[in-house]
Amino acid sequence: MKQTVAVVFGTFAPMHKGHLDLIERAKLACGQVCVVVSGYDKDRGARIGLDLTKRFQFAQEQFKGDDLVSVCALDETDLPAYPDGWDLWLDRLLGLLDLSEHQLPVFYVSEEEYAQELHSRGYQAHFSPRKFGISATLIREQPQQYQDYIAPAFLAFFGKETM
């Protein structure tokens, strides 16, 4: 029998309570979670100074000390833009996971279209609707108003000069 490994991917620009909730639910279901921070040159995070490297570092900090969560970065700069790059994107993501033959990735997503796309490609995907009414877009647009939703490791980025 194969061991399931939860995979939660996103830009996390910034990571917020909705993401943390999804990661926690994935961890409870599978035990082990790989958080994949993705992005490309001049993406929506980079436009506010929160590039892929910073997001990856903040995500690592967020889960430091949690042996059940690993964090990796997926640079999409040279991949076709969504929705055209699914095959190449999945190949690259699965290569990052470095799963053994006894492990099976199970994706946890909060976008129904992602779950459908993953299912159509033969992967297990659990759609989990958003619970907090928050999005990274809202936070980027009004960080002060939504600061209570920002993941702790990302808060310092939104210091007083940003808010």
N, C-alpha and C. Protein backbone atom coordinates (compact mmCIF):
# COMPACT_ATOMS: atom_id res chain seq x y z
N MET A 1 0.84 -1.19 0.00
CA MET A 1 0.00 0.00 0.00
C MET A 1 0.88 1.25 0.00
N LYS A 2 0.48 2.24 -0.79
CA LYS A 2 1.27 3.46 -0.90
C LYS A 2 0.92 4.45 0.20
N GLN A 3 1.95 5.16 0.64
CA GLN A 3 1.77 6.22 1.62
C GLN A 3 1.43 7.50 0.87
N THR A 4 0.40 8.22 1.33
CA THR A 4 0.04 9.46 0.67
C THR A 4 0.86 10.62 1.24
N VAL A 5 1.25 11.51 0.35
CA VAL A 5 1.94 12.73 0.72
C VAL A 5 1.11 13.89 0.17
N ALA A 6 0.66 14.75 1.06
CA ALA A 6 -0.14 15.89 0.62
C ALA A 6 0.74 16.92 -0.07
N VAL A 7 0.20 17.52 -1.10
CA VAL A 7 0.89 18.58 -1.83
C VAL A 7 -0.03 19.80 -1.85
N VAL A 8 0.47 20.91 -1.33
CA VAL A 8 -0.26 22.17 -1.36
C VAL A 8 0.62 23.16 -2.11
N PHE A 9 0.11 23.67 -3.24
CA PHE A 9 0.92 24.59 -4.04
C PHE A 9 0.24 25.95 -4.15
N GLY A 10 1.05 26.96 -4.38
CA GLY A 10 0.51 28.30 -4.58
C GLY A 10 1.60 29.33 -4.67
N THR A 11 1.19 30.55 -4.99
CA THR A 11 2.17 31.64 -5.03
C THR A 11 2.45 32.14 -3.62
N PHE A 12 1.47 32.06 -2.74
CA PHE A 12 1.64 32.50 -1.35
C PHE A 12 2.22 33.91 -1.32
N ALA A 13 1.51 34.84 -1.97
CA ALA A 13 2.00 36.21 -2.08
C ALA A 13 1.02 37.20 -1.46
N PRO A 14 0.84 37.17 -0.15
CA PRO A 14 1.54 36.38 0.85
C PRO A 14 0.74 35.16 1.30
N MET A 15 1.40 34.33 2.10
CA MET A 15 0.71 33.21 2.75
C MET A 15 -0.21 33.81 3.83
N HIS A 16 -1.40 33.22 3.97
CA HIS A 16 -2.36 33.74 4.94
C HIS A 16 -3.08 32.59 5.64
N LYS A 17 -4.00 32.95 6.54
CA LYS A 17 -4.69 31.95 7.37
C LYS A 17 -5.44 30.91 6.55
N GLY A 18 -5.96 31.29 5.41
CA GLY A 18 -6.63 30.32 4.54
C GLY A 18 -5.67 29.25 4.06
N HIS A 19 -4.47 29.68 3.66
CA HIS A 19 -3.44 28.72 3.24
C HIS A 19 -3.03 27.82 4.41
N LEU A 20 -2.82 28.44 5.58
CA LEU A 20 -2.39 27.67 6.75
C LEU A 20 -3.44 26.63 7.13
N ASP A 21 -4.71 26.99 7.01
CA ASP A 21 -5.80 26.06 7.31
C ASP A 21 -5.78 24.88 6.33
N LEU A 22 -5.61 25.16 5.05
CA LEU A 22 -5.55 24.11 4.03
C LEU A 22 -4.37 23.18 4.29
N ILE A 23 -3.22 23.74 4.63
CA ILE A 23 -2.02 22.94 4.91
C ILE A 23 -2.25 22.08 6.15
N GLU A 24 -2.88 22.63 7.16
CA GLU A 24 -3.14 21.86 8.38
C GLU A 24 -4.11 20.71 8.11
N ARG A 25 -5.15 20.97 7.31
CA ARG A 25 -6.10 19.89 6.97
C ARG A 25 -5.42 18.80 6.15
N ALA A 26 -4.54 19.20 5.25
CA ALA A 26 -3.78 18.22 4.45
C ALA A 26 -2.87 17.40 5.35
N LYS A 27 -2.26 18.05 6.31
CA LYS A 27 -1.36 17.35 7.24
C LYS A 27 -2.15 16.34 8.09
N LEU A 28 -3.31 16.74 8.54
CA LEU A 28 -4.14 15.82 9.34
C LEU A 28 -4.56 14.60 8.52
N ALA A 29 -4.84 14.81 7.25
CA ALA A 29 -5.30 13.71 6.40
C ALA A 29 -4.16 12.78 5.97
N CYS A 30 -3.01 13.34 5.66
CA CYS A 30 -1.92 12.53 5.07
C CYS A 30 -0.72 12.35 5.99
N GLY A 31 -0.60 13.18 6.98
CA GLY A 31 0.56 13.09 7.86
C GLY A 31 1.72 13.94 7.39
N GLN A 32 2.06 13.84 6.13
CA GLN A 32 3.20 14.57 5.58
C GLN A 32 2.71 15.51 4.48
N VAL A 33 3.23 16.75 4.49
CA VAL A 33 2.82 17.75 3.50
C VAL A 33 4.05 18.38 2.86
N CYS A 34 3.98 18.54 1.55
CA CYS A 34 4.98 19.34 0.84
C CYS A 34 4.29 20.61 0.36
N VAL A 35 4.77 21.74 0.84
CA VAL A 35 4.26 23.04 0.42
C VAL A 35 5.14 23.51 -0.73
N VAL A 36 4.54 23.74 -1.88
CA VAL A 36 5.28 24.16 -3.07
C VAL A 36 4.97 25.64 -3.34
N VAL A 37 5.97 26.47 -3.12
CA VAL A 37 5.85 27.90 -3.38
C VAL A 37 6.24 28.13 -4.83
N SER A 38 5.30 28.63 -5.63
CA SER A 38 5.57 28.78 -7.06
C SER A 38 5.54 30.24 -7.47
N GLY A 39 6.18 30.51 -8.60
CA GLY A 39 6.16 31.87 -9.12
C GLY A 39 7.10 32.03 -10.29
N TYR A 40 7.10 33.23 -10.84
CA TYR A 40 7.91 33.53 -12.01
C TYR A 40 8.37 34.98 -11.92
N ASP A 41 9.29 35.35 -12.79
CA ASP A 41 9.80 36.72 -12.84
C ASP A 41 8.65 37.71 -12.99
N LYS A 42 8.65 38.71 -12.18
CA LYS A 42 7.65 39.80 -12.26
C LYS A 42 6.23 39.31 -12.02
N ASP A 43 6.06 38.27 -11.19
CA ASP A 43 4.71 37.80 -10.86
C ASP A 43 4.06 38.77 -9.87
N ARG A 44 2.83 38.47 -9.47
CA ARG A 44 2.09 39.40 -8.61
C ARG A 44 2.77 39.63 -7.26
N GLY A 45 3.50 38.66 -6.76
CA GLY A 45 4.26 38.88 -5.53
C GLY A 45 5.45 39.78 -5.77
N ALA A 46 6.19 39.50 -6.84
CA ALA A 46 7.38 40.29 -7.16
C ALA A 46 7.02 41.76 -7.38
N ARG A 47 5.83 42.02 -7.89
CA ARG A 47 5.43 43.41 -8.16
C ARG A 47 5.31 44.24 -6.89
N ILE A 48 5.18 43.58 -5.73
CA ILE A 48 5.15 44.33 -4.47
C ILE A 48 6.43 44.10 -3.66
N GLY A 49 7.44 43.51 -4.29
CA GLY A 49 8.71 43.27 -3.61
C GLY A 49 8.80 41.93 -2.91
N LEU A 50 7.82 41.07 -3.12
CA LEU A 50 7.77 39.76 -2.48
C LEU A 50 8.00 38.69 -3.55
N ASP A 51 9.25 38.60 -4.00
CA ASP A 51 9.57 37.67 -5.09
C ASP A 51 9.59 36.22 -4.61
N LEU A 52 9.76 35.31 -5.54
CA LEU A 52 9.73 33.88 -5.23
C LEU A 52 10.74 33.51 -4.15
N THR A 53 11.94 34.05 -4.23
CA THR A 53 12.97 33.72 -3.23
C THR A 53 12.53 34.13 -1.84
N LYS A 54 11.98 35.33 -1.69
CA LYS A 54 11.51 35.79 -0.37
C LYS A 54 10.35 34.94 0.11
N ARG A 55 9.41 34.66 -0.77
CA ARG A 55 8.25 33.84 -0.37
C ARG A 55 8.69 32.46 0.09
N PHE A 56 9.63 31.88 -0.62
CA PHE A 56 10.17 30.57 -0.25
C PHE A 56 10.83 30.64 1.12
N GLN A 57 11.64 31.67 1.36
CA GLN A 57 12.31 31.82 2.65
C GLN A 57 11.30 32.01 3.78
N PHE A 58 10.29 32.85 3.55
CA PHE A 58 9.27 33.07 4.57
C PHE A 58 8.48 31.79 4.85
N ALA A 59 8.17 31.03 3.81
CA ALA A 59 7.45 29.76 3.99
C ALA A 59 8.30 28.77 4.78
N GLN A 60 9.60 28.71 4.48
CA GLN A 60 10.48 27.84 5.27
C GLN A 60 10.46 28.25 6.73
N GLU A 61 10.51 29.54 6.98
CA GLU A 61 10.48 30.05 8.35
C GLU A 61 9.15 29.69 9.03
N GLN A 62 8.06 29.81 8.28
CA GLN A 62 6.73 29.51 8.83
C GLN A 62 6.66 28.08 9.37
N PHE A 63 7.31 27.14 8.69
CA PHE A 63 7.19 25.73 9.06
C PHE A 63 8.46 25.17 9.70
N LYS A 64 9.38 26.05 10.06
CA LYS A 64 10.61 25.62 10.73
C LYS A 64 10.22 24.88 12.01
N GLY A 65 10.79 23.72 12.21
CA GLY A 65 10.48 22.95 13.40
C GLY A 65 9.30 22.00 13.24
N ASP A 66 8.61 22.05 12.12
CA ASP A 66 7.51 21.12 11.85
C ASP A 66 8.04 20.03 10.93
N ASP A 67 8.35 18.89 11.50
CA ASP A 67 8.94 17.79 10.74
C ASP A 67 7.99 17.18 9.71
N LEU A 68 6.71 17.50 9.81
CA LEU A 68 5.73 16.94 8.88
C LEU A 68 5.52 17.80 7.64
N VAL A 69 6.13 18.98 7.63
CA VAL A 69 5.96 19.89 6.49
C VAL A 69 7.32 20.20 5.88
N SER A 70 7.43 19.97 4.57
CA SER A 70 8.62 20.39 3.83
C SER A 70 8.19 21.48 2.85
N VAL A 71 9.12 22.34 2.52
CA VAL A 71 8.82 23.47 1.63
C VAL A 71 9.80 23.44 0.47
N CYS A 72 9.30 23.61 -0.74
CA CYS A 72 10.19 23.72 -1.90
C CYS A 72 9.68 24.84 -2.80
N ALA A 73 10.56 25.31 -3.67
CA ALA A 73 10.23 26.41 -4.57
C ALA A 73 10.18 25.91 -6.01
N LEU A 74 9.18 26.35 -6.73
CA LEU A 74 9.01 25.98 -8.13
C LEU A 74 9.05 27.25 -8.99
N ASP A 75 10.16 27.44 -9.70
CA ASP A 75 10.31 28.60 -10.57
C ASP A 75 9.63 28.30 -11.91
N GLU A 76 8.62 29.08 -12.22
CA GLU A 76 7.82 28.88 -13.44
C GLU A 76 8.22 29.82 -14.57
N THR A 77 9.31 30.56 -14.40
CA THR A 77 9.68 31.61 -15.35
C THR A 77 9.75 31.12 -16.78
N ASP A 78 10.31 29.93 -17.00
CA ASP A 78 10.48 29.43 -18.37
C ASP A 78 9.35 28.51 -18.83
N LEU A 79 8.27 28.43 -18.07
CA LEU A 79 7.14 27.57 -18.43
C LEU A 79 6.05 28.38 -19.14
N PRO A 80 5.26 27.73 -20.00
CA PRO A 80 4.13 28.44 -20.62
C PRO A 80 3.17 28.94 -19.54
N ALA A 81 2.54 30.06 -19.78
CA ALA A 81 1.62 30.65 -18.82
C ALA A 81 0.39 29.76 -18.62
N TYR A 82 -0.16 29.82 -17.40
CA TYR A 82 -1.40 29.10 -17.09
C TYR A 82 -2.47 29.55 -18.08
N PRO A 83 -3.26 28.68 -18.61
CA PRO A 83 -3.40 27.25 -18.32
C PRO A 83 -2.62 26.33 -19.27
N ASP A 84 -1.74 26.88 -20.08
CA ASP A 84 -1.08 26.08 -21.12
C ASP A 84 0.07 25.20 -20.64
N GLY A 85 0.59 25.44 -19.46
CA GLY A 85 1.80 24.74 -19.05
C GLY A 85 1.61 23.58 -18.09
N TRP A 86 0.40 23.04 -17.97
CA TRP A 86 0.13 22.01 -16.97
C TRP A 86 1.10 20.84 -17.02
N ASP A 87 1.33 20.27 -18.19
CA ASP A 87 2.19 19.08 -18.29
C ASP A 87 3.60 19.35 -17.81
N LEU A 88 4.21 20.41 -18.32
CA LEU A 88 5.57 20.76 -17.91
C LEU A 88 5.62 21.14 -16.44
N TRP A 89 4.60 21.88 -15.99
CA TRP A 89 4.54 22.32 -14.60
C TRP A 89 4.46 21.11 -13.66
N LEU A 90 3.57 20.16 -13.98
CA LEU A 90 3.44 18.96 -13.14
C LEU A 90 4.72 18.14 -13.14
N ASP A 91 5.36 17.99 -14.29
CA ASP A 91 6.64 17.26 -14.34
C ASP A 91 7.66 17.90 -13.41
N ARG A 92 7.75 19.21 -13.47
CA ARG A 92 8.72 19.92 -12.63
C ARG A 92 8.36 19.79 -11.16
N LEU A 93 7.09 19.95 -10.84
CA LEU A 93 6.65 19.84 -9.45
C LEU A 93 6.93 18.44 -8.90
N LEU A 94 6.57 17.42 -9.64
CA LEU A 94 6.79 16.04 -9.17
C LEU A 94 8.28 15.75 -9.01
N GLY A 95 9.12 16.33 -9.85
CA GLY A 95 10.56 16.18 -9.70
C GLY A 95 11.07 16.80 -8.41
N LEU A 96 10.48 17.90 -8.00
CA LEU A 96 10.86 18.55 -6.74
C LEU A 96 10.49 17.69 -5.54
N LEU A 97 9.37 16.98 -5.64
CA LEU A 97 8.88 16.20 -4.50
C LEU A 97 9.78 15.03 -4.16
N ASP A 98 10.43 14.47 -5.17
CA ASP A 98 11.35 13.36 -4.95
C ASP A 98 10.69 12.23 -4.15
N LEU A 99 9.52 11.80 -4.61
CA LEU A 99 8.77 10.75 -3.92
C LEU A 99 9.35 9.38 -4.24
N SER A 100 9.25 8.48 -3.28
CA SER A 100 9.68 7.11 -3.53
C SER A 100 8.55 6.37 -4.25
N GLU A 101 8.84 5.16 -4.70
CA GLU A 101 7.82 4.36 -5.39
C GLU A 101 6.68 3.96 -4.46
N HIS A 102 6.89 4.13 -3.15
CA HIS A 102 5.87 3.77 -2.16
C HIS A 102 5.05 4.98 -1.72
N GLN A 103 5.29 6.13 -2.34
CA GLN A 103 4.57 7.34 -1.97
C GLN A 103 3.72 7.84 -3.14
N LEU A 104 2.56 8.38 -2.79
CA LEU A 104 1.59 8.85 -3.77
C LEU A 104 1.22 10.30 -3.45
N PRO A 105 1.38 11.23 -4.41
CA PRO A 105 0.99 12.61 -4.13
C PRO A 105 -0.53 12.77 -4.14
N VAL A 106 -1.02 13.52 -3.17
CA VAL A 106 -2.43 13.87 -3.11
C VAL A 106 -2.49 15.39 -2.98
N PHE A 107 -3.08 16.03 -3.97
CA PHE A 107 -3.11 17.49 -4.01
C PHE A 107 -4.28 18.03 -3.20
N TYR A 108 -4.02 19.09 -2.45
CA TYR A 108 -5.04 19.81 -1.70
C TYR A 108 -5.10 21.22 -2.28
N VAL A 109 -6.27 21.59 -2.80
CA VAL A 109 -6.42 22.87 -3.49
C VAL A 109 -7.69 23.59 -3.04
N SER A 110 -7.68 24.90 -3.17
CA SER A 110 -8.87 25.68 -2.83
C SER A 110 -9.51 26.29 -4.08
N GLU A 111 -9.06 25.85 -5.24
CA GLU A 111 -9.65 26.26 -6.53
C GLU A 111 -10.21 25.01 -7.20
N GLU A 112 -11.52 24.99 -7.42
CA GLU A 112 -12.17 23.81 -7.99
C GLU A 112 -11.61 23.45 -9.36
N GLU A 113 -11.28 24.46 -10.18
CA GLU A 113 -10.75 24.17 -11.52
C GLU A 113 -9.41 23.43 -11.45
N TYR A 114 -8.61 23.71 -10.42
CA TYR A 114 -7.34 22.99 -10.26
C TYR A 114 -7.61 21.52 -9.93
N ALA A 115 -8.57 21.28 -9.04
CA ALA A 115 -8.91 19.90 -8.69
C ALA A 115 -9.39 19.14 -9.92
N GLN A 116 -10.24 19.76 -10.73
CA GLN A 116 -10.74 19.11 -11.94
C GLN A 116 -9.60 18.80 -12.91
N GLU A 117 -8.70 19.75 -13.09
CA GLU A 117 -7.57 19.56 -14.00
C GLU A 117 -6.68 18.42 -13.52
N LEU A 118 -6.40 18.38 -12.23
CA LEU A 118 -5.55 17.32 -11.67
C LEU A 118 -6.24 15.96 -11.79
N HIS A 119 -7.54 15.91 -11.50
CA HIS A 119 -8.30 14.66 -11.67
C HIS A 119 -8.24 14.18 -13.11
N SER A 120 -8.40 15.10 -14.05
CA SER A 120 -8.41 14.72 -15.47
C SER A 120 -7.06 14.15 -15.90
N ARG A 121 -6.02 14.44 -15.14
CA ARG A 121 -4.67 13.94 -15.45
C ARG A 121 -4.31 12.72 -14.61
N GLY A 122 -5.31 12.20 -13.87
CA GLY A 122 -5.10 10.96 -13.13
C GLY A 122 -4.58 11.11 -11.72
N TYR A 123 -4.59 12.32 -11.18
CA TYR A 123 -4.09 12.55 -9.82
C TYR A 123 -5.24 12.68 -8.84
N GLN A 124 -4.97 12.33 -7.60
CA GLN A 124 -5.93 12.56 -6.54
C GLN A 124 -5.83 14.03 -6.14
N ALA A 125 -6.99 14.68 -6.04
CA ALA A 125 -7.01 16.08 -5.63
C ALA A 125 -8.23 16.31 -4.77
N HIS A 126 -8.02 16.96 -3.64
CA HIS A 126 -9.11 17.30 -2.73
C HIS A 126 -9.36 18.80 -2.81
N PHE A 127 -10.58 19.14 -3.21
CA PHE A 127 -10.98 20.54 -3.25
C PHE A 127 -11.51 20.92 -1.88
N SER A 128 -10.98 21.98 -1.32
CA SER A 128 -11.39 22.48 -0.02
C SER A 128 -11.78 23.95 -0.17
N PRO A 129 -13.06 24.25 -0.12
CA PRO A 129 -13.47 25.65 -0.29
C PRO A 129 -12.84 26.55 0.78
N ARG A 130 -12.65 27.79 0.42
CA ARG A 130 -12.06 28.75 1.36
C ARG A 130 -12.98 28.95 2.55
N LYS A 131 -12.37 29.09 3.73
CA LYS A 131 -13.14 29.25 4.96
C LYS A 131 -13.08 30.66 5.54
N PHE A 132 -12.07 31.43 5.16
CA PHE A 132 -11.82 32.68 5.86
C PHE A 132 -12.24 33.94 5.11
N GLY A 133 -12.70 33.82 3.88
CA GLY A 133 -13.09 35.00 3.13
C GLY A 133 -11.93 35.95 2.88
N ILE A 134 -10.75 35.39 2.78
CA ILE A 134 -9.55 36.21 2.57
C ILE A 134 -8.83 35.71 1.32
N SER A 135 -8.11 36.61 0.70
CA SER A 135 -7.28 36.21 -0.44
C SER A 135 -5.98 37.01 -0.38
N ALA A 136 -4.96 36.50 -1.02
CA ALA A 136 -3.69 37.22 -1.07
C ALA A 136 -3.87 38.55 -1.81
N THR A 137 -4.78 38.57 -2.78
CA THR A 137 -5.04 39.82 -3.51
C THR A 137 -5.54 40.90 -2.57
N LEU A 138 -6.51 40.57 -1.72
CA LEU A 138 -7.01 41.54 -0.74
C LEU A 138 -5.89 42.04 0.16
N ILE A 139 -5.04 41.12 0.60
CA ILE A 139 -3.94 41.51 1.49
C ILE A 139 -2.96 42.42 0.76
N ARG A 140 -2.61 42.08 -0.48
CA ARG A 140 -1.68 42.93 -1.24
C ARG A 140 -2.25 44.33 -1.43
N GLU A 141 -3.56 44.41 -1.65
CA GLU A 141 -4.19 45.70 -1.90
C GLU A 141 -4.37 46.53 -0.63
N GLN A 142 -4.65 45.85 0.50
CA GLN A 142 -4.91 46.56 1.76
C GLN A 142 -4.28 45.79 2.93
N PRO A 143 -2.95 45.75 3.00
CA PRO A 143 -2.29 44.94 4.03
C PRO A 143 -2.65 45.33 5.46
N GLN A 144 -2.84 46.61 5.72
CA GLN A 144 -3.16 47.03 7.08
C GLN A 144 -4.52 46.50 7.51
N GLN A 145 -5.48 46.58 6.62
CA GLN A 145 -6.84 46.12 6.94
C GLN A 145 -6.89 44.62 7.21
N TYR A 146 -6.02 43.85 6.54
CA TYR A 146 -6.08 42.39 6.63
C TYR A 146 -4.87 41.78 7.33
N GLN A 147 -4.13 42.58 8.10
CA GLN A 147 -2.90 42.09 8.71
C GLN A 147 -3.13 40.90 9.65
N ASP A 148 -4.29 40.79 10.25
CA ASP A 148 -4.57 39.67 11.16
C ASP A 148 -4.65 38.34 10.42
N TYR A 149 -4.77 38.37 9.11
CA TYR A 149 -4.87 37.14 8.32
C TYR A 149 -3.52 36.68 7.76
N ILE A 150 -2.52 37.55 7.81
CA ILE A 150 -1.21 37.24 7.23
C ILE A 150 -0.49 36.21 8.08
N ALA A 151 0.11 35.19 7.44
CA ALA A 151 0.88 34.18 8.17
C ALA A 151 2.01 34.87 8.93
N PRO A 152 2.27 34.44 10.17
CA PRO A 152 3.27 35.11 11.01
C PRO A 152 4.63 35.35 10.35
N ALA A 153 5.15 34.38 9.63
CA ALA A 153 6.48 34.53 9.03
C ALA A 153 6.49 35.58 7.91
N PHE A 154 5.34 35.93 7.38
CA PHE A 154 5.25 36.91 6.29
C PHE A 154 4.96 38.32 6.82
N LEU A 155 4.57 38.42 8.08
CA LEU A 155 4.15 39.70 8.64
C LEU A 155 5.23 40.77 8.58
N ALA A 156 6.47 40.41 8.88
CA ALA A 156 7.55 41.40 8.91
C ALA A 156 7.70 42.11 7.57
N PHE A 157 7.42 41.40 6.49
CA PHE A 157 7.51 42.02 5.16
C PHE A 157 6.57 43.22 5.06
N PHE A 158 5.41 43.08 5.68
CA PHE A 158 4.41 44.15 5.64
C PHE A 158 4.60 45.06 6.85
N GLY A 159 5.84 45.55 7.00
CA GLY A 159 6.18 46.44 8.12
C GLY A 159 5.44 47.76 8.02
N LYS A 160 5.71 48.61 8.96
CA LYS A 160 5.00 49.89 9.04
C LYS A 160 5.10 50.71 7.76
N GLU A 161 6.25 50.63 7.06
CA GLU A 161 6.38 51.42 5.83
C GLU A 161 5.46 50.90 4.73
N THR A 162 5.13 49.60 4.75
CA THR A 162 4.22 49.04 3.75
C THR A 162 2.77 49.31 4.14
N MET A 163 2.50 49.24 5.43
CA MET A 163 1.13 49.42 5.89
C MET A 163 0.91 50.88 6.17
